[in-house]
Amino acid sequence: MTGELAQINVSGGGVPKLAVDEAVIDINGVVGDEQANKEHHGGIDRALCLYSLEVIQALQDEGHPIEPGSAGENLTIMGLDWSRIVPDVRLRVGRTVIQVTTFTTPCAKIAGSFSDGISARIHNGAHPGWSRVYARVIIGGTVRTGDGVSLLD
C-alpha cells in the first residue's frame, strides 16, 4: 500500500500549523516545529503527529472547517487506508522511517476545526478510524511534499 505526503505542517507553537515544502525530521520531530504544551505534545514517542487528507476531506463534507494543519498534524498523508494506521505500524515517508505510537487525544485548541467546536469528533474511542496519530522517528532525514508513504508492517 503506497500513499503520498500531501502536506508538511509546522508552527512556532499552537495551531494552525502552516505548510512548508520540505523539512528535516529528527528524533524530536520536524526541525523548527514547536509545541505550546510540552506536557501533552512532543517528546520522542510523540515526535510527529500524522493525519489523513481523506479523513480531513470527509470532515469537510460534514461541514467542518478543518484544513490540513489546522488540527495540529505535522504530516498530512493521502492515499493510505487510514484504518490501518494504528499503534506499532511502521511507515516509510520518503527516506525516513517512523513508527505509530498512539492515537492522539483531541483538545480544545483545535476546536476551530469543527463546526460545533467539539474536537471529540476525531477521538478514536468515540469514532474509530477518524483520529490523528502520534509517531516516533526511527530513521530521520529530509521529507518533501509529494514523497511516497508506505506501510512497512
Protein backbone atom coordinates (compact mmCIF):
# COMPACT_ATOMS: atom_id res chain seq x y z
CA MET A 1 0.00 0.00 0.00
CA THR A 2 1.50 3.32 -1.08
CA GLY A 3 0.36 6.84 -0.39
CA GLU A 4 1.84 10.31 -0.64
CA LEU A 5 2.93 13.07 1.69
CA ALA A 6 0.28 15.67 0.86
CA GLN A 7 1.49 18.41 3.20
CA ILE A 8 4.16 19.12 5.84
CA ASN A 9 2.97 21.44 8.62
CA VAL A 10 4.92 23.46 11.21
CA SER A 11 4.32 26.26 13.68
CA GLY A 12 6.10 28.24 16.36
CA GLY A 13 3.64 26.72 18.84
CA GLY A 14 -0.07 26.08 18.57
CA VAL A 15 -2.41 25.77 15.61
CA PRO A 16 -2.87 26.06 12.80
CA LYS A 17 0.40 24.59 11.61
CA LEU A 18 1.34 26.04 8.24
CA ALA A 19 2.53 24.26 5.10
CA VAL A 20 6.19 24.04 4.10
CA ASP A 21 7.58 22.30 1.02
CA GLU A 22 10.24 20.32 2.86
CA ALA A 23 11.52 19.71 6.36
CA VAL A 24 14.16 17.83 8.26
CA ILE A 25 12.83 15.20 10.65
CA ASP A 26 14.93 14.02 13.57
CA ILE A 27 14.27 12.08 16.77
CA ASN A 28 12.41 15.11 18.21
CA GLY A 29 10.14 15.58 15.17
CA VAL A 30 10.09 18.27 12.50
CA VAL A 31 13.03 20.62 12.98
CA GLY A 32 11.66 24.13 13.57
CA ASP A 33 8.24 22.98 14.76
CA GLU A 34 7.30 23.88 18.33
CA GLN A 35 4.54 22.76 20.66
CA ALA A 36 2.94 25.22 23.06
CA ASN A 37 2.16 22.50 25.62
CA LYS A 38 5.12 20.14 26.15
CA GLU A 39 3.22 18.12 28.77
CA HIS A 40 0.76 16.75 26.19
CA HIS A 41 2.68 17.24 22.92
CA GLY A 42 6.17 16.44 21.71
CA GLY A 43 8.79 14.12 23.12
CA ILE A 44 10.29 11.06 21.48
CA ASP A 45 7.07 8.99 21.44
CA ARG A 46 5.01 11.97 20.20
CA ALA A 47 7.64 13.44 17.89
CA LEU A 48 5.26 13.60 14.93
CA CYS A 49 1.51 13.97 14.58
CA LEU A 50 0.02 12.44 11.41
CA TYR A 51 -3.38 12.78 9.81
CA SER A 52 -5.19 11.62 6.69
CA LEU A 53 -6.16 14.01 3.92
CA GLU A 54 -9.12 11.75 3.09
CA VAL A 55 -10.40 11.95 6.67
CA ILE A 56 -9.98 15.74 6.60
CA GLN A 57 -11.99 15.85 3.36
CA ALA A 58 -14.72 13.63 4.86
CA LEU A 59 -14.93 16.00 7.83
CA GLN A 60 -15.20 18.94 5.41
CA ASP A 61 -18.07 17.10 3.69
CA GLU A 62 -19.80 17.01 7.10
CA GLY A 63 -19.50 20.82 7.22
CA HIS A 64 -16.43 21.19 9.44
CA PRO A 65 -13.95 23.99 8.57
CA ILE A 66 -10.93 21.71 9.11
CA GLU A 67 -7.93 22.11 6.78
CA PRO A 68 -4.59 20.32 6.56
CA GLY A 69 -2.55 21.57 9.53
CA SER A 70 -5.49 23.08 11.42
CA ALA A 71 -5.78 20.02 13.66
CA GLY A 72 -2.09 20.31 14.54
CA GLU A 73 -0.69 17.47 12.48
CA ASN A 74 2.86 17.68 11.14
CA LEU A 75 2.35 15.29 8.24
CA THR A 76 -0.83 15.14 6.20
CA ILE A 77 -0.89 11.86 4.28
CA MET A 78 -3.09 10.82 1.38
CA GLY A 79 -3.76 7.54 -0.36
CA LEU A 80 -3.46 5.13 2.59
CA ASP A 81 -6.25 3.16 4.25
CA TRP A 82 -6.29 5.22 7.46
CA SER A 83 -7.93 2.37 9.40
CA ARG A 84 -4.59 0.53 9.07
CA ILE A 85 -2.58 3.37 10.64
CA VAL A 86 -2.58 2.13 14.22
CA PRO A 87 -0.04 1.87 17.07
CA ASP A 88 3.11 -0.13 16.25
CA VAL A 89 2.72 0.22 12.45
CA ARG A 90 5.88 1.48 10.76
CA LEU A 91 5.77 3.82 7.79
CA ARG A 92 8.40 4.89 5.30
CA VAL A 93 7.96 8.57 4.47
CA GLY A 94 10.41 9.45 1.71
CA ARG A 95 13.68 8.10 3.14
CA THR A 96 12.60 8.38 6.77
CA VAL A 97 11.04 5.62 8.86
CA ILE A 98 8.55 6.31 11.64
CA GLN A 99 6.51 4.14 13.99
CA VAL A 100 3.00 4.98 15.15
CA THR A 101 2.91 5.02 18.96
CA THR A 102 -0.65 6.01 19.90
CA PHE A 103 -3.87 7.67 18.83
CA THR A 104 -3.98 11.34 19.80
CA THR A 105 -6.47 12.80 22.22
CA PRO A 106 -8.10 15.88 20.65
CA CYS A 107 -8.06 19.04 22.74
CA ALA A 108 -9.87 22.36 22.85
CA LYS A 109 -7.02 24.06 20.93
CA ILE A 110 -8.30 22.52 17.68
CA ALA A 111 -11.96 23.37 18.32
CA GLY A 112 -11.91 25.89 15.46
CA SER A 113 -11.60 22.99 13.03
CA PHE A 114 -15.11 21.81 13.91
CA SER A 115 -18.42 23.48 13.09
CA ASP A 116 -19.76 22.84 16.59
CA GLY A 117 -16.41 23.48 18.29
CA ILE A 118 -16.30 19.92 19.59
CA SER A 119 -13.00 18.27 18.72
CA ALA A 120 -14.15 14.93 20.18
CA ARG A 121 -15.44 14.20 16.64
CA ILE A 122 -11.97 12.78 15.98
CA HIS A 123 -11.49 10.93 19.29
CA ASN A 124 -10.60 7.32 18.49
CA GLY A 125 -12.67 5.92 21.37
CA ALA A 126 -15.85 7.53 20.06
CA HIS A 127 -15.07 7.46 16.33
CA PRO A 128 -12.54 4.74 15.43
CA GLY A 129 -10.67 5.45 12.22
CA TRP A 130 -11.05 9.25 12.47
CA SER A 131 -8.20 10.01 14.89
CA ARG A 132 -4.83 11.59 14.30
CA VAL A 133 -1.85 9.51 15.46
CA TYR A 134 1.47 10.19 17.14
CA ALA A 135 4.69 8.60 15.92
CA ARG A 136 8.33 8.24 16.91
CA VAL A 137 11.16 8.70 14.42
CA ILE A 138 13.21 5.56 13.70
CA ILE A 139 15.29 6.95 10.82
CA GLY A 140 15.36 10.71 10.29
CA GLY A 141 16.06 12.74 7.18
CA THR A 142 14.57 15.30 4.85
CA VAL A 143 10.98 14.90 3.66
CA ARG A 144 9.31 16.76 0.84
CA THR A 145 5.72 17.27 -0.21
CA GLY A 146 4.93 14.54 -2.72
CA ASP A 147 7.23 11.93 -1.16
CA GLY A 148 5.89 8.40 -1.16
CA VAL A 149 4.46 6.93 2.06
CA SER A 150 4.26 3.18 2.53
CA LEU A 151 3.44 0.69 5.27
CA LEU A 152 6.40 -1.44 6.31
CA ASP A 153 4.47 -3.87 8.53
